[in-house]
Amino acid sequence: MAYREKLAALNLVAMALVYTVYFTIIATRPPMPRLIDMLWLFGIAAPVHAMLYGFIGYAIKLRSGKEGRVPPDERDRAIARRGRSIAYLVLLAGAILVGVVMPFSETPWKIVNTTLLAIVIAELVNNGVVVLSYRRGWHG
């Protein structure tokens, strides 16, 4: 498994785990949470994701040796560009939903959480495309 593929897979798994817990807690609470509740919950989720990615990513870099220090080549950049371009479309669709459709029918906190969900889904798509591109080989 290539170094950058490992980092993308790590980010995919760490983000999926942390934000699945976050959105499960938000969705299962009967009343919509207060702003301070959401901030506390997000204030825990974001650093946990950052620490998971940071510590495990650093361990992957140490174990990768020379490969972890080599700058990305043209193939790595093309794979990252492909992931970003597809994730951009997902994020654009989420932005249209929360910025154009939802303001007319939903509460502000539902809009905030849907925005966060759109960002998380876009990042998951980005990392998923990167992992699949390394797995299936880059043909572009």
N, C-alpha and C. Protein backbone atom coordinates (compact mmCIF):
# COMPACT_ATOMS: atom_id res chain seq x y z
N MET A 1 0.86 -1.17 0.00
CA MET A 1 0.00 0.00 0.00
C MET A 1 0.91 1.24 0.00
N ALA A 2 0.63 2.16 -0.90
CA ALA A 2 1.43 3.38 -1.02
C ALA A 2 1.22 4.29 0.20
N TYR A 3 2.23 5.09 0.49
CA TYR A 3 2.19 5.98 1.65
C TYR A 3 0.96 6.90 1.62
N ARG A 4 0.73 7.56 0.51
CA ARG A 4 -0.41 8.49 0.43
C ARG A 4 -1.74 7.75 0.43
N GLU A 5 -1.76 6.54 -0.04
CA GLU A 5 -2.96 5.72 0.05
C GLU A 5 -3.25 5.38 1.51
N LYS A 6 -2.22 5.07 2.27
CA LYS A 6 -2.40 4.78 3.70
C LYS A 6 -2.95 6.00 4.43
N LEU A 7 -2.43 7.19 4.12
CA LEU A 7 -2.93 8.40 4.77
C LEU A 7 -4.38 8.68 4.40
N ALA A 8 -4.74 8.46 3.14
CA ALA A 8 -6.13 8.66 2.72
C ALA A 8 -7.05 7.65 3.41
N ALA A 9 -6.61 6.41 3.50
CA ALA A 9 -7.41 5.38 4.16
C ALA A 9 -7.56 5.70 5.65
N LEU A 10 -6.48 6.16 6.26
CA LEU A 10 -6.53 6.55 7.68
C LEU A 10 -7.53 7.68 7.88
N ASN A 11 -7.45 8.72 7.06
CA ASN A 11 -8.36 9.84 7.20
C ASN A 11 -9.80 9.41 6.96
N LEU A 12 -10.01 8.53 5.99
CA LEU A 12 -11.35 8.00 5.71
C LEU A 12 -11.92 7.28 6.92
N VAL A 13 -11.15 6.39 7.51
CA VAL A 13 -11.63 5.61 8.66
C VAL A 13 -11.81 6.49 9.90
N ALA A 14 -10.82 7.34 10.19
CA ALA A 14 -10.89 8.19 11.37
C ALA A 14 -12.07 9.15 11.28
N MET A 15 -12.26 9.76 10.13
CA MET A 15 -13.36 10.70 9.95
C MET A 15 -14.70 9.98 10.03
N ALA A 16 -14.80 8.83 9.40
CA ALA A 16 -16.05 8.07 9.42
C ALA A 16 -16.41 7.67 10.86
N LEU A 17 -15.45 7.20 11.63
CA LEU A 17 -15.73 6.80 13.00
C LEU A 17 -16.17 7.97 13.88
N VAL A 18 -15.39 9.04 13.84
CA VAL A 18 -15.66 10.18 14.73
C VAL A 18 -16.98 10.85 14.38
N TYR A 19 -17.21 11.10 13.11
CA TYR A 19 -18.43 11.84 12.75
C TYR A 19 -19.66 10.96 12.70
N THR A 20 -19.50 9.65 12.60
CA THR A 20 -20.65 8.76 12.78
C THR A 20 -21.16 8.88 14.21
N VAL A 21 -20.24 8.89 15.16
CA VAL A 21 -20.62 9.07 16.57
C VAL A 21 -21.28 10.44 16.76
N TYR A 22 -20.68 11.50 16.21
CA TYR A 22 -21.22 12.85 16.34
C TYR A 22 -22.65 12.92 15.80
N PHE A 23 -22.85 12.47 14.56
CA PHE A 23 -24.18 12.60 13.96
C PHE A 23 -25.19 11.64 14.59
N THR A 24 -24.74 10.51 15.11
CA THR A 24 -25.65 9.62 15.83
C THR A 24 -26.15 10.28 17.10
N ILE A 25 -25.26 10.93 17.83
CA ILE A 25 -25.67 11.64 19.05
C ILE A 25 -26.62 12.77 18.71
N ILE A 26 -26.30 13.54 17.68
CA ILE A 26 -27.17 14.66 17.27
C ILE A 26 -28.54 14.14 16.84
N ALA A 27 -28.56 13.06 16.07
CA ALA A 27 -29.83 12.55 15.53
C ALA A 27 -30.70 11.86 16.57
N THR A 28 -30.10 11.30 17.59
CA THR A 28 -30.90 10.54 18.56
C THR A 28 -31.38 11.37 19.73
N ARG A 29 -30.96 12.62 19.81
CA ARG A 29 -31.45 13.49 20.88
C ARG A 29 -32.85 13.95 20.53
N PRO A 30 -33.82 13.78 21.41
CA PRO A 30 -35.19 14.18 21.08
C PRO A 30 -35.32 15.67 20.74
N PRO A 31 -34.94 16.58 21.62
CA PRO A 31 -35.01 17.99 21.22
C PRO A 31 -33.73 18.39 20.49
N MET A 32 -33.86 19.37 19.63
CA MET A 32 -32.65 19.88 18.99
C MET A 32 -31.73 20.43 20.06
N PRO A 33 -30.46 20.12 19.99
CA PRO A 33 -29.53 20.57 21.03
C PRO A 33 -29.35 22.09 21.00
N ARG A 34 -28.98 22.60 22.15
CA ARG A 34 -28.66 24.03 22.23
C ARG A 34 -27.31 24.25 21.56
N LEU A 35 -27.02 25.50 21.24
CA LEU A 35 -25.76 25.82 20.58
C LEU A 35 -24.57 25.36 21.41
N ILE A 36 -24.63 25.58 22.71
CA ILE A 36 -23.51 25.20 23.56
C ILE A 36 -23.30 23.69 23.56
N ASP A 37 -24.40 22.91 23.49
CA ASP A 37 -24.28 21.45 23.41
C ASP A 37 -23.59 21.03 22.11
N MET A 38 -23.99 21.66 21.02
CA MET A 38 -23.38 21.33 19.73
C MET A 38 -21.90 21.71 19.72
N LEU A 39 -21.58 22.87 20.31
CA LEU A 39 -20.19 23.30 20.35
C LEU A 39 -19.34 22.36 21.19
N TRP A 40 -19.87 21.91 22.33
CA TRP A 40 -19.13 20.96 23.16
C TRP A 40 -18.90 19.66 22.39
N LEU A 41 -19.95 19.17 21.76
CA LEU A 41 -19.85 17.91 21.03
C LEU A 41 -18.88 18.03 19.87
N PHE A 42 -18.99 19.11 19.09
CA PHE A 42 -18.07 19.32 17.98
C PHE A 42 -16.67 19.61 18.50
N GLY A 43 -16.59 20.30 19.64
CA GLY A 43 -15.30 20.61 20.26
C GLY A 43 -14.58 19.36 20.74
N ILE A 44 -15.30 18.27 20.87
CA ILE A 44 -14.68 16.99 21.20
C ILE A 44 -14.39 16.20 19.92
N ALA A 45 -15.34 16.20 18.98
CA ALA A 45 -15.21 15.40 17.77
C ALA A 45 -14.03 15.85 16.90
N ALA A 46 -13.92 17.14 16.67
CA ALA A 46 -12.87 17.63 15.77
C ALA A 46 -11.46 17.34 16.31
N PRO A 47 -11.17 17.62 17.58
CA PRO A 47 -9.83 17.28 18.08
C PRO A 47 -9.56 15.78 18.12
N VAL A 48 -10.58 14.97 18.39
CA VAL A 48 -10.37 13.52 18.39
C VAL A 48 -9.97 13.07 16.98
N HIS A 49 -10.67 13.59 15.98
CA HIS A 49 -10.31 13.26 14.60
C HIS A 49 -8.89 13.72 14.29
N ALA A 50 -8.56 14.93 14.69
CA ALA A 50 -7.22 15.47 14.43
C ALA A 50 -6.13 14.65 15.14
N MET A 51 -6.40 14.26 16.37
CA MET A 51 -5.40 13.47 17.11
C MET A 51 -5.24 12.07 16.51
N LEU A 52 -6.36 11.43 16.15
CA LEU A 52 -6.26 10.12 15.51
C LEU A 52 -5.42 10.20 14.24
N TYR A 53 -5.77 11.16 13.40
CA TYR A 53 -5.05 11.31 12.14
C TYR A 53 -3.60 11.71 12.39
N GLY A 54 -3.37 12.61 13.31
CA GLY A 54 -2.01 13.08 13.57
C GLY A 54 -1.10 12.01 14.13
N PHE A 55 -1.54 11.34 15.18
CA PHE A 55 -0.69 10.34 15.82
C PHE A 55 -0.48 9.12 14.93
N ILE A 56 -1.56 8.59 14.39
CA ILE A 56 -1.42 7.40 13.55
C ILE A 56 -0.72 7.76 12.25
N GLY A 57 -1.01 8.95 11.70
CA GLY A 57 -0.32 9.40 10.49
C GLY A 57 1.17 9.54 10.70
N TYR A 58 1.56 10.05 11.86
CA TYR A 58 2.98 10.17 12.17
C TYR A 58 3.63 8.79 12.28
N ALA A 59 2.92 7.86 12.89
CA ALA A 59 3.45 6.49 12.99
C ALA A 59 3.59 5.87 11.60
N ILE A 60 2.64 6.11 10.73
CA ILE A 60 2.72 5.60 9.36
C ILE A 60 3.93 6.22 8.65
N LYS A 61 4.13 7.53 8.87
CA LYS A 61 5.27 8.20 8.24
C LYS A 61 6.59 7.61 8.73
N LEU A 62 6.69 7.35 10.02
CA LEU A 62 7.92 6.76 10.56
C LEU A 62 8.16 5.37 10.00
N ARG A 63 7.10 4.58 9.91
CA ARG A 63 7.24 3.22 9.40
C ARG A 63 7.49 3.18 7.89
N SER A 64 7.07 4.23 7.19
CA SER A 64 7.25 4.26 5.74
C SER A 64 8.67 4.58 5.33
N GLY A 65 9.42 5.13 6.25
CA GLY A 65 10.82 5.43 5.96
C GLY A 65 10.98 6.46 4.86
N LYS A 66 11.76 6.10 3.84
CA LYS A 66 12.07 7.03 2.76
C LYS A 66 10.82 7.44 1.98
N GLU A 67 9.90 6.52 1.80
CA GLU A 67 8.67 6.83 1.03
C GLU A 67 7.87 7.96 1.67
N GLY A 68 7.91 8.07 3.00
CA GLY A 68 7.18 9.11 3.69
C GLY A 68 7.80 10.49 3.54
N ARG A 69 9.03 10.55 3.09
CA ARG A 69 9.72 11.84 2.91
C ARG A 69 9.76 12.30 1.46
N VAL A 70 9.40 11.42 0.54
CA VAL A 70 9.45 11.76 -0.88
C VAL A 70 8.26 12.65 -1.23
N PRO A 71 8.49 13.75 -1.95
CA PRO A 71 7.37 14.59 -2.35
C PRO A 71 6.47 13.85 -3.35
N PRO A 72 5.21 14.25 -3.42
CA PRO A 72 4.30 13.56 -4.33
C PRO A 72 4.76 13.69 -5.79
N ASP A 73 4.64 12.60 -6.52
CA ASP A 73 4.99 12.65 -7.94
C ASP A 73 3.74 12.99 -8.76
N GLU A 74 3.87 12.93 -10.07
CA GLU A 74 2.76 13.32 -10.95
C GLU A 74 1.55 12.41 -10.75
N ARG A 75 1.77 11.13 -10.56
CA ARG A 75 0.66 10.19 -10.33
C ARG A 75 -0.07 10.54 -9.03
N ASP A 76 0.67 10.81 -7.95
CA ASP A 76 0.05 11.17 -6.68
C ASP A 76 -0.77 12.45 -6.81
N ARG A 77 -0.21 13.43 -7.52
CA ARG A 77 -0.93 14.70 -7.71
C ARG A 77 -2.18 14.50 -8.56
N ALA A 78 -2.11 13.65 -9.58
CA ALA A 78 -3.27 13.39 -10.43
C ALA A 78 -4.37 12.68 -9.64
N ILE A 79 -3.99 11.73 -8.81
CA ILE A 79 -4.98 11.03 -7.98
C ILE A 79 -5.61 11.99 -6.99
N ALA A 80 -4.82 12.83 -6.36
CA ALA A 80 -5.36 13.81 -5.41
C ALA A 80 -6.28 14.79 -6.12
N ARG A 81 -5.90 15.22 -7.32
CA ARG A 81 -6.72 16.16 -8.09
C ARG A 81 -8.07 15.52 -8.46
N ARG A 82 -8.04 14.26 -8.83
CA ARG A 82 -9.28 13.56 -9.17
C ARG A 82 -10.20 13.47 -7.95
N GLY A 83 -9.64 13.12 -6.80
CA GLY A 83 -10.44 13.05 -5.59
C GLY A 83 -11.05 14.39 -5.22
N ARG A 84 -10.24 15.44 -5.32
CA ARG A 84 -10.74 16.79 -4.99
C ARG A 84 -11.82 17.25 -5.95
N SER A 85 -11.67 16.94 -7.23
CA SER A 85 -12.66 17.41 -8.20
C SER A 85 -14.01 16.71 -8.00
N ILE A 86 -14.00 15.45 -7.67
CA ILE A 86 -15.26 14.75 -7.40
C ILE A 86 -15.87 15.23 -6.08
N ALA A 87 -15.02 15.40 -5.07
CA ALA A 87 -15.50 15.88 -3.77
C ALA A 87 -16.07 17.29 -3.87
N TYR A 88 -15.51 18.10 -4.76
CA TYR A 88 -16.03 19.46 -4.96
C TYR A 88 -17.47 19.43 -5.43
N LEU A 89 -17.80 18.52 -6.32
CA LEU A 89 -19.18 18.41 -6.80
C LEU A 89 -20.13 17.99 -5.67
N VAL A 90 -19.67 17.10 -4.82
CA VAL A 90 -20.48 16.69 -3.67
C VAL A 90 -20.69 17.87 -2.72
N LEU A 91 -19.63 18.61 -2.45
CA LEU A 91 -19.73 19.77 -1.58
C LEU A 91 -20.62 20.84 -2.20
N LEU A 92 -20.54 21.03 -3.49
CA LEU A 92 -21.39 22.00 -4.19
C LEU A 92 -22.87 21.62 -4.05
N ALA A 93 -23.17 20.34 -4.20
CA ALA A 93 -24.56 19.88 -4.03
C ALA A 93 -25.03 20.12 -2.60
N GLY A 94 -24.16 19.86 -1.62
CA GLY A 94 -24.51 20.12 -0.23
C GLY A 94 -24.71 21.60 0.04
N ALA A 95 -23.88 22.44 -0.57
CA ALA A 95 -24.02 23.89 -0.39
C ALA A 95 -25.32 24.40 -0.99
N ILE A 96 -25.71 23.86 -2.13
CA ILE A 96 -26.99 24.26 -2.72
C ILE A 96 -28.13 23.83 -1.81
N LEU A 97 -28.05 22.63 -1.26
CA LEU A 97 -29.09 22.16 -0.35
C LEU A 97 -29.22 23.07 0.86
N VAL A 98 -28.12 23.35 1.54
CA VAL A 98 -28.20 24.11 2.79
C VAL A 98 -28.33 25.61 2.56
N GLY A 99 -27.91 26.11 1.42
CA GLY A 99 -27.97 27.54 1.18
C GLY A 99 -29.15 28.01 0.37
N VAL A 100 -29.73 27.11 -0.42
CA VAL A 100 -30.82 27.51 -1.30
C VAL A 100 -32.14 26.86 -0.89
N VAL A 101 -32.12 25.61 -0.51
CA VAL A 101 -33.35 24.88 -0.22
C VAL A 101 -33.76 24.96 1.25
N MET A 102 -32.84 24.65 2.15
CA MET A 102 -33.18 24.52 3.56
C MET A 102 -33.57 25.80 4.29
N PRO A 103 -33.05 26.96 3.94
CA PRO A 103 -33.41 28.16 4.72
C PRO A 103 -34.91 28.46 4.74
N PHE A 104 -35.65 27.92 3.81
CA PHE A 104 -37.08 28.20 3.73
C PHE A 104 -37.93 27.25 4.55
N SER A 105 -37.32 26.17 5.05
CA SER A 105 -38.14 25.18 5.74
C SER A 105 -37.54 24.58 7.01
N GLU A 106 -36.27 24.83 7.29
CA GLU A 106 -35.61 24.15 8.41
C GLU A 106 -35.10 25.13 9.46
N THR A 107 -34.87 24.59 10.66
CA THR A 107 -34.33 25.40 11.75
C THR A 107 -32.84 25.67 11.52
N PRO A 108 -32.31 26.73 12.13
CA PRO A 108 -30.88 27.04 11.93
C PRO A 108 -29.95 25.90 12.34
N TRP A 109 -30.27 25.18 13.41
CA TRP A 109 -29.36 24.13 13.87
C TRP A 109 -29.35 22.94 12.92
N LYS A 110 -30.49 22.69 12.29
CA LYS A 110 -30.51 21.62 11.30
C LYS A 110 -29.68 22.02 10.07
N ILE A 111 -29.72 23.29 9.73
CA ILE A 111 -28.91 23.78 8.62
C ILE A 111 -27.42 23.67 8.95
N VAL A 112 -27.06 24.04 10.18
CA VAL A 112 -25.66 23.96 10.59
C VAL A 112 -25.16 22.52 10.54
N ASN A 113 -25.94 21.59 11.08
CA ASN A 113 -25.52 20.19 11.07
C ASN A 113 -25.51 19.60 9.67
N THR A 114 -26.42 20.01 8.82
CA THR A 114 -26.42 19.54 7.44
C THR A 114 -25.21 20.07 6.69
N THR A 115 -24.82 21.30 6.99
CA THR A 115 -23.61 21.86 6.38
C THR A 115 -22.39 21.05 6.79
N LEU A 116 -22.28 20.75 8.07
CA LEU A 116 -21.17 19.93 8.54
C LEU A 116 -21.20 18.55 7.89
N LEU A 117 -22.39 17.98 7.76
CA LEU A 117 -22.53 16.68 7.11
C LEU A 117 -22.07 16.75 5.66
N ALA A 118 -22.41 17.81 4.95
CA ALA A 118 -21.97 17.96 3.56
C ALA A 118 -20.45 18.03 3.47
N ILE A 119 -19.83 18.73 4.39
CA ILE A 119 -18.36 18.83 4.41
C ILE A 119 -17.75 17.47 4.69
N VAL A 120 -18.29 16.76 5.66
CA VAL A 120 -17.77 15.43 6.02
C VAL A 120 -17.94 14.46 4.85
N ILE A 121 -19.11 14.47 4.22
CA ILE A 121 -19.34 13.56 3.09
C ILE A 121 -18.37 13.89 1.95
N ALA A 122 -18.16 15.17 1.67
CA ALA A 122 -17.22 15.55 0.61
C ALA A 122 -15.81 15.06 0.92
N GLU A 123 -15.38 15.17 2.16
CA GLU A 123 -14.06 14.69 2.53
C GLU A 123 -13.97 13.16 2.45
N LEU A 124 -15.04 12.48 2.85
CA LEU A 124 -15.06 11.02 2.73
C LEU A 124 -14.99 10.60 1.27
N VAL A 125 -15.72 11.32 0.41
CA VAL A 125 -15.66 11.02 -1.03
C VAL A 125 -14.25 11.26 -1.56
N ASN A 126 -13.64 12.37 -1.17
CA ASN A 126 -12.28 12.67 -1.60
C ASN A 126 -11.33 11.55 -1.23
N ASN A 127 -11.33 11.17 0.04
CA ASN A 127 -10.42 10.11 0.49
C ASN A 127 -10.78 8.76 -0.11
N GLY A 128 -12.06 8.48 -0.27
CA GLY A 128 -12.48 7.23 -0.89
C GLY A 128 -12.01 7.12 -2.34
N VAL A 129 -12.13 8.22 -3.09
CA VAL A 129 -11.67 8.22 -4.48
C VAL A 129 -10.15 8.03 -4.54
N VAL A 130 -9.43 8.66 -3.62
CA VAL A 130 -7.97 8.50 -3.60
C VAL A 130 -7.61 7.03 -3.33
N VAL A 131 -8.23 6.44 -2.33
CA VAL A 131 -7.93 5.03 -2.00
C VAL A 131 -8.27 4.13 -3.18
N LEU A 132 -9.46 4.32 -3.77
CA LEU A 132 -9.85 3.49 -4.91
C LEU A 132 -8.94 3.70 -6.10
N SER A 133 -8.49 4.93 -6.31
CA SER A 133 -7.59 5.20 -7.44
C SER A 133 -6.26 4.48 -7.28
N TYR A 134 -5.74 4.45 -6.05
CA TYR A 134 -4.51 3.69 -5.82
C TYR A 134 -4.76 2.20 -5.95
N ARG A 135 -5.90 1.73 -5.47
CA ARG A 135 -6.21 0.29 -5.51
C ARG A 135 -6.39 -0.19 -6.94
N ARG A 136 -7.14 0.57 -7.73
CA ARG A 136 -7.46 0.14 -9.10
C ARG A 136 -6.43 0.58 -10.12
N GLY A 137 -5.54 1.44 -9.70
CA GLY A 137 -4.55 1.96 -10.64
C GLY A 137 -5.06 3.23 -11.30
N TRP A 138 -4.17 4.14 -11.52
CA TRP A 138 -4.54 5.41 -12.13
C TRP A 138 -4.45 5.29 -13.64
N HIS A 139 -5.54 5.57 -14.32
CA HIS A 139 -5.58 5.52 -15.78
C HIS A 139 -6.09 6.85 -16.30
N GLY A 140 -5.30 7.86 -16.23
CA GLY A 140 -5.84 9.12 -16.67
C GLY A 140 -4.80 10.03 -17.10
